Amino acid sequence: MEFLSVNGAKIAFRITGAGPPLLAPECNYTWAPEIEAMMARRFTLIVASPRDFGASTRTGGPYEPGLWATDMLAVAQHLGHPRFLCFGYSFTGAFGPWLALRLAQHSAVASVAAVAAGGFPLLGDYNVTSRDVDAQLAHLENDPDLWAKMERRFDPRAGAAFYRELSRLAPNALVDDAPCPLYCFWGDRDHDAVGMVMPGSELAEGLNARGVPWRQFEEYDHEELNSHLEIAWPDTETWLLERANDLGL
């Protein structure tokens, strides 16, 4: 693990592999070693945590989402990659498209070249997810043991603040305003993240209408696919490599 000083915070990151640069943010979950090894076979894998998450500085609030974006960009630029691909699942499946959008809004050059996002409905009303996360936060705050367990990985209040940031976007904005190509995947039994917002068939139809490639994996719910990302990786890897080739990364 290495640390980079960015705007008064220590940002944790690690880098393995060789090939086109691929950022895999580490926020509420830590990537399993075998998943990191899988991603690093064909990519220069950058695993980094924005402040308030992972081993990076915990500010305790007030939370500034813009700094989460600049933290990730600073790490990538520090490693010599002003443009990079991004991969995420669940929380980071939302964080990747948001990061691409946020950085593009504040730069003449798009830093995120393409995003593969799993386990999150990129279309729909993001308020639905935010309200659910706020309810989970209230439950955590009344359970000291569970709070302590979660806090070892990330600041739960920062996690809720991220989803509130998403809720300020217009419905469908992560796709309709995306500054780069997107690829989306999820499990057909994902009722926790995807189905809570819309049926998988509706998500697929909306992505088709927008020309966004996607893959739905049969017999997997949200956590099962998270535990078996190797199932989703071959198609994801192919798509990311094609985008890297198209963009000269």
Protein backbone atom coordinates (compact mmCIF):
# COMPACT_ATOMS: atom_id res chain seq x y z
CA MET A 1 0.00 0.00 0.00
CA GLU A 2 1.27 3.48 -0.88
CA PHE A 3 -0.05 6.92 0.01
CA LEU A 4 -0.25 10.16 -1.94
CA SER A 5 -0.86 13.54 -0.32
CA VAL A 6 -3.77 15.28 -2.04
CA ASN A 7 -5.33 18.50 -0.74
CA GLY A 8 -4.47 17.75 2.88
CA ALA A 9 -5.39 14.05 2.84
CA LYS A 10 -3.42 10.83 2.48
CA ILE A 11 -4.88 8.81 -0.38
CA ALA A 12 -4.19 5.07 -0.29
CA PHE A 13 -3.42 3.22 -3.51
CA ARG A 14 -1.63 0.21 -4.95
CA ILE A 15 -0.64 -0.71 -8.48
CA THR A 16 -0.03 -4.08 -10.17
CA GLY A 17 0.06 -5.55 -13.65
CA ALA A 18 0.86 -4.07 -17.03
CA GLY A 19 -1.20 -2.79 -19.93
CA PRO A 20 -3.80 -0.03 -20.34
CA PRO A 21 -4.46 1.82 -17.06
CA LEU A 22 -7.54 0.57 -15.22
CA LEU A 23 -8.76 2.30 -12.07
CA ALA A 24 -10.74 0.06 -9.70
CA PRO A 25 -11.83 2.33 -6.84
CA GLU A 26 -11.94 0.69 -3.42
CA CYS A 27 -14.65 2.31 -1.31
CA ASN A 28 -16.97 0.22 0.86
CA TYR A 29 -15.49 -3.14 -0.19
CA THR A 30 -11.95 -4.43 -0.65
CA TRP A 31 -11.27 -6.31 -3.87
CA ALA A 32 -10.39 -9.97 -3.26
CA PRO A 33 -6.75 -10.78 -4.13
CA GLU A 34 -7.80 -13.23 -6.84
CA ILE A 35 -10.02 -10.59 -8.45
CA GLU A 36 -7.18 -8.07 -8.44
CA ALA A 37 -4.87 -10.68 -10.00
CA MET A 38 -7.50 -11.35 -12.66
CA MET A 39 -7.82 -7.65 -13.52
CA ALA A 40 -4.06 -7.14 -13.54
CA ARG A 41 -3.42 -9.85 -16.15
CA ARG A 42 -4.07 -7.47 -19.05
CA PHE A 43 -4.16 -4.06 -17.38
CA THR A 44 -2.10 -1.75 -15.21
CA LEU A 45 -4.42 -2.02 -12.26
CA ILE A 46 -4.75 1.01 -9.98
CA VAL A 47 -6.70 0.33 -6.79
CA ALA A 48 -7.28 3.56 -4.89
CA SER A 49 -9.55 4.83 -2.12
CA PRO A 50 -10.81 8.41 -2.00
CA ARG A 51 -10.68 10.18 1.34
CA ASP A 52 -13.27 8.92 3.86
CA PHE A 53 -12.96 5.39 2.43
CA GLY A 54 -10.62 2.44 2.93
CA ALA A 55 -7.20 3.24 4.33
CA SER A 56 -7.28 6.87 3.16
CA THR A 57 -7.72 9.83 5.50
CA ARG A 58 -11.08 9.91 7.27
CA THR A 59 -12.23 13.52 7.43
CA GLY A 60 -15.32 12.85 9.56
CA GLY A 61 -17.15 15.44 7.46
CA PRO A 62 -18.25 17.79 6.13
CA TYR A 63 -18.02 15.61 3.03
CA GLU A 64 -16.90 17.16 -0.24
CA PRO A 65 -17.70 14.84 -3.17
CA GLY A 66 -15.61 16.93 -5.53
CA LEU A 67 -12.54 15.97 -3.53
CA TRP A 68 -13.32 12.28 -3.98
CA ALA A 69 -13.07 12.82 -7.73
CA THR A 70 -9.85 14.85 -7.57
CA ASP A 71 -8.33 12.25 -5.23
CA MET A 72 -8.76 9.56 -7.89
CA LEU A 73 -7.51 11.78 -10.69
CA ALA A 74 -4.47 12.81 -8.64
CA VAL A 75 -3.45 9.18 -8.07
CA ALA A 76 -3.81 8.32 -11.76
CA GLN A 77 -1.84 11.39 -12.84
CA HIS A 78 0.82 10.69 -10.21
CA LEU A 79 1.29 7.28 -11.82
CA GLY A 80 1.57 8.84 -15.29
CA HIS A 81 -1.96 8.12 -16.52
CA PRO A 82 -3.92 11.30 -17.31
CA ARG A 83 -6.55 9.12 -19.04
CA PHE A 84 -7.68 5.75 -17.73
CA LEU A 85 -10.39 3.11 -17.83
CA CYS A 86 -12.58 2.46 -14.79
CA PHE A 87 -14.21 -0.66 -13.34
CA GLY A 88 -16.57 -1.02 -10.40
CA TYR A 89 -19.33 -3.07 -8.85
CA SER A 90 -22.24 -1.98 -6.64
CA PHE A 91 -21.09 1.22 -4.87
CA THR A 92 -18.10 1.55 -7.19
CA GLY A 93 -20.34 0.57 -10.10
CA ALA A 94 -22.08 3.88 -9.41
CA PHE A 95 -18.89 5.71 -8.47
CA GLY A 96 -17.18 5.03 -11.84
CA PRO A 97 -19.81 6.70 -14.09
CA TRP A 98 -20.21 9.51 -11.55
CA LEU A 99 -16.42 10.03 -11.54
CA ALA A 100 -16.35 10.23 -15.35
CA LEU A 101 -19.15 12.78 -15.32
CA ARG A 102 -17.73 14.83 -12.46
CA LEU A 103 -14.22 15.06 -13.94
CA ALA A 104 -15.56 15.92 -17.39
CA GLN A 105 -17.57 18.79 -15.92
CA HIS A 106 -14.39 20.36 -14.57
CA SER A 107 -11.90 19.65 -17.35
CA ALA A 108 -11.56 20.29 -21.08
CA VAL A 109 -10.22 16.75 -21.52
CA ALA A 110 -12.14 13.66 -20.36
CA SER A 111 -9.93 11.82 -17.88
CA VAL A 112 -12.06 8.67 -17.69
CA ALA A 113 -11.88 6.99 -21.09
CA ALA A 114 -14.50 4.26 -20.52
CA VAL A 115 -16.41 2.74 -17.60
CA ALA A 116 -17.53 -0.84 -16.93
CA ALA A 117 -20.14 -0.75 -14.17
CA GLY A 118 -21.68 -3.79 -12.50
CA GLY A 119 -24.46 -4.26 -9.98
CA PHE A 120 -25.94 -0.77 -10.17
CA PRO A 121 -28.89 0.56 -12.23
CA LEU A 122 -27.30 3.37 -14.22
CA LEU A 123 -30.76 4.42 -15.40
CA GLY A 124 -33.69 5.52 -13.28
CA ASP A 125 -34.23 7.86 -10.34
CA TYR A 126 -31.14 7.85 -8.11
CA ASN A 127 -33.25 9.14 -5.21
CA VAL A 128 -34.60 5.62 -4.79
CA THR A 129 -31.16 4.26 -3.92
CA SER A 130 -30.28 7.28 -1.79
CA ARG A 131 -33.39 6.90 0.37
CA ASP A 132 -32.64 3.21 0.88
CA VAL A 133 -29.03 3.94 1.89
CA ASP A 134 -30.20 6.63 4.33
CA ALA A 135 -32.49 4.04 5.94
CA GLN A 136 -29.57 1.63 6.20
CA LEU A 137 -27.47 4.39 7.78
CA ALA A 138 -30.12 5.03 10.43
CA HIS A 139 -30.08 1.33 11.27
CA LEU A 140 -26.28 1.32 11.52
CA GLU A 141 -26.26 4.34 13.82
CA ASN A 142 -28.43 2.39 16.28
CA ASP A 143 -26.18 -0.68 16.25
CA PRO A 144 -22.73 0.17 17.74
CA ASP A 145 -21.24 -3.25 16.99
CA LEU A 146 -22.28 -3.21 13.35
CA TRP A 147 -21.21 0.42 13.03
CA ALA A 148 -17.73 -0.42 14.31
CA LYS A 149 -17.45 -3.29 11.85
CA MET A 150 -18.46 -1.12 8.90
CA GLU A 151 -16.33 1.83 9.99
CA ARG A 152 -13.19 -0.28 9.74
CA ARG A 153 -13.77 -0.37 5.96
CA PHE A 154 -15.21 3.09 5.29
CA ASP A 155 -17.13 5.97 6.83
CA PRO A 156 -20.82 5.00 6.40
CA ARG A 157 -21.89 8.63 6.54
CA ALA A 158 -19.59 9.37 3.61
CA GLY A 159 -21.17 6.49 1.72
CA ALA A 160 -24.63 7.96 2.29
CA ALA A 161 -23.34 11.38 1.27
CA PHE A 162 -22.17 9.92 -2.04
CA TYR A 163 -25.62 8.56 -2.83
CA ARG A 164 -27.17 11.90 -1.89
CA GLU A 165 -24.79 13.47 -4.40
CA LEU A 166 -26.11 11.04 -7.01
CA SER A 167 -29.69 11.91 -6.06
CA ARG A 168 -29.06 15.50 -7.17
CA LEU A 169 -28.58 14.31 -10.74
CA ALA A 170 -31.51 14.16 -13.12
CA PRO A 171 -32.93 10.66 -13.67
CA ASN A 172 -30.84 8.68 -16.19
CA ALA A 173 -28.04 11.28 -16.09
CA LEU A 174 -25.24 8.75 -15.51
CA VAL A 175 -26.00 7.40 -18.98
CA ASP A 176 -27.57 10.32 -20.84
CA ASP A 177 -24.80 12.75 -19.81
CA ALA A 178 -21.94 10.22 -19.85
CA PRO A 179 -18.77 11.72 -21.37
CA CYS A 180 -17.36 8.29 -22.29
CA PRO A 181 -18.46 4.79 -23.39
CA LEU A 182 -20.24 2.66 -20.80
CA TYR A 183 -20.75 -1.08 -20.29
CA CYS A 184 -23.21 -2.40 -17.70
CA PHE A 185 -23.79 -5.83 -16.13
CA TRP A 186 -25.88 -7.30 -13.32
CA GLY A 187 -27.46 -10.51 -12.05
CA ASP A 188 -31.00 -11.39 -13.08
CA ARG A 189 -31.88 -11.97 -9.39
CA ASP A 190 -30.41 -8.65 -8.25
CA HIS A 191 -33.38 -7.28 -6.32
CA ASP A 192 -31.23 -5.36 -3.82
CA ALA A 193 -29.65 -2.77 -6.11
CA VAL A 194 -31.12 -3.11 -9.61
CA GLY A 195 -34.62 -4.46 -8.97
CA MET A 196 -35.21 -1.91 -6.23
CA VAL A 197 -35.10 0.80 -8.92
CA MET A 198 -36.50 -1.01 -11.97
CA PRO A 199 -36.89 -4.51 -13.42
CA GLY A 200 -33.83 -5.83 -15.20
CA SER A 201 -35.81 -6.03 -18.43
CA GLU A 202 -36.60 -2.32 -18.20
CA LEU A 203 -32.98 -1.46 -17.54
CA ALA A 204 -31.92 -3.57 -20.53
CA GLU A 205 -34.51 -1.89 -22.77
CA GLY A 206 -33.35 1.57 -21.71
CA LEU A 207 -29.70 0.72 -22.30
CA ASN A 208 -30.52 -0.74 -25.71
CA ALA A 209 -32.32 2.46 -26.66
CA ARG A 210 -29.18 4.41 -25.81
CA GLY A 211 -26.74 2.04 -27.50
CA VAL A 212 -25.10 0.98 -24.23
CA PRO A 213 -23.89 -2.65 -24.21
CA TRP A 214 -24.91 -4.78 -21.25
CA ARG A 215 -24.95 -8.34 -19.93
CA GLN A 216 -27.34 -9.95 -17.46
CA PHE A 217 -26.08 -13.06 -15.68
CA GLU A 218 -28.67 -15.72 -14.98
CA GLU A 219 -29.15 -17.22 -11.51
CA TYR A 220 -27.15 -14.53 -9.67
CA ASP A 221 -28.35 -12.04 -7.10
CA HIS A 222 -26.42 -8.92 -6.08
CA GLU A 223 -24.06 -10.44 -3.53
CA GLU A 224 -23.60 -13.70 -5.44
CA LEU A 225 -22.32 -11.90 -8.51
CA ASN A 226 -20.13 -9.72 -6.31
CA SER A 227 -18.61 -12.92 -4.92
CA HIS A 228 -18.16 -14.38 -8.41
CA LEU A 229 -16.93 -11.49 -10.50
CA GLU A 230 -14.83 -13.95 -12.47
CA ILE A 231 -18.10 -14.88 -14.21
CA ALA A 232 -18.56 -11.35 -15.49
CA TRP A 233 -14.92 -10.52 -16.12
CA PRO A 234 -14.25 -12.14 -19.55
CA ASP A 235 -16.88 -10.04 -21.35
CA THR A 236 -15.94 -6.98 -19.33
CA GLU A 237 -12.24 -7.44 -20.06
CA THR A 238 -12.89 -7.79 -23.80
CA TRP A 239 -14.98 -4.62 -23.85
CA LEU A 240 -12.40 -2.64 -21.86
CA LEU A 241 -9.53 -3.82 -24.06
CA GLU A 242 -11.47 -2.85 -27.18
CA ARG A 243 -12.09 0.62 -25.78
CA ALA A 244 -8.42 0.94 -24.79
CA ASN A 245 -7.39 0.00 -28.32
CA ASP A 246 -9.90 2.42 -29.86
CA LEU A 247 -8.62 5.23 -27.67
CA GLY A 248 -4.92 4.42 -27.94
CA LEU A 249 -4.37 3.79 -24.26
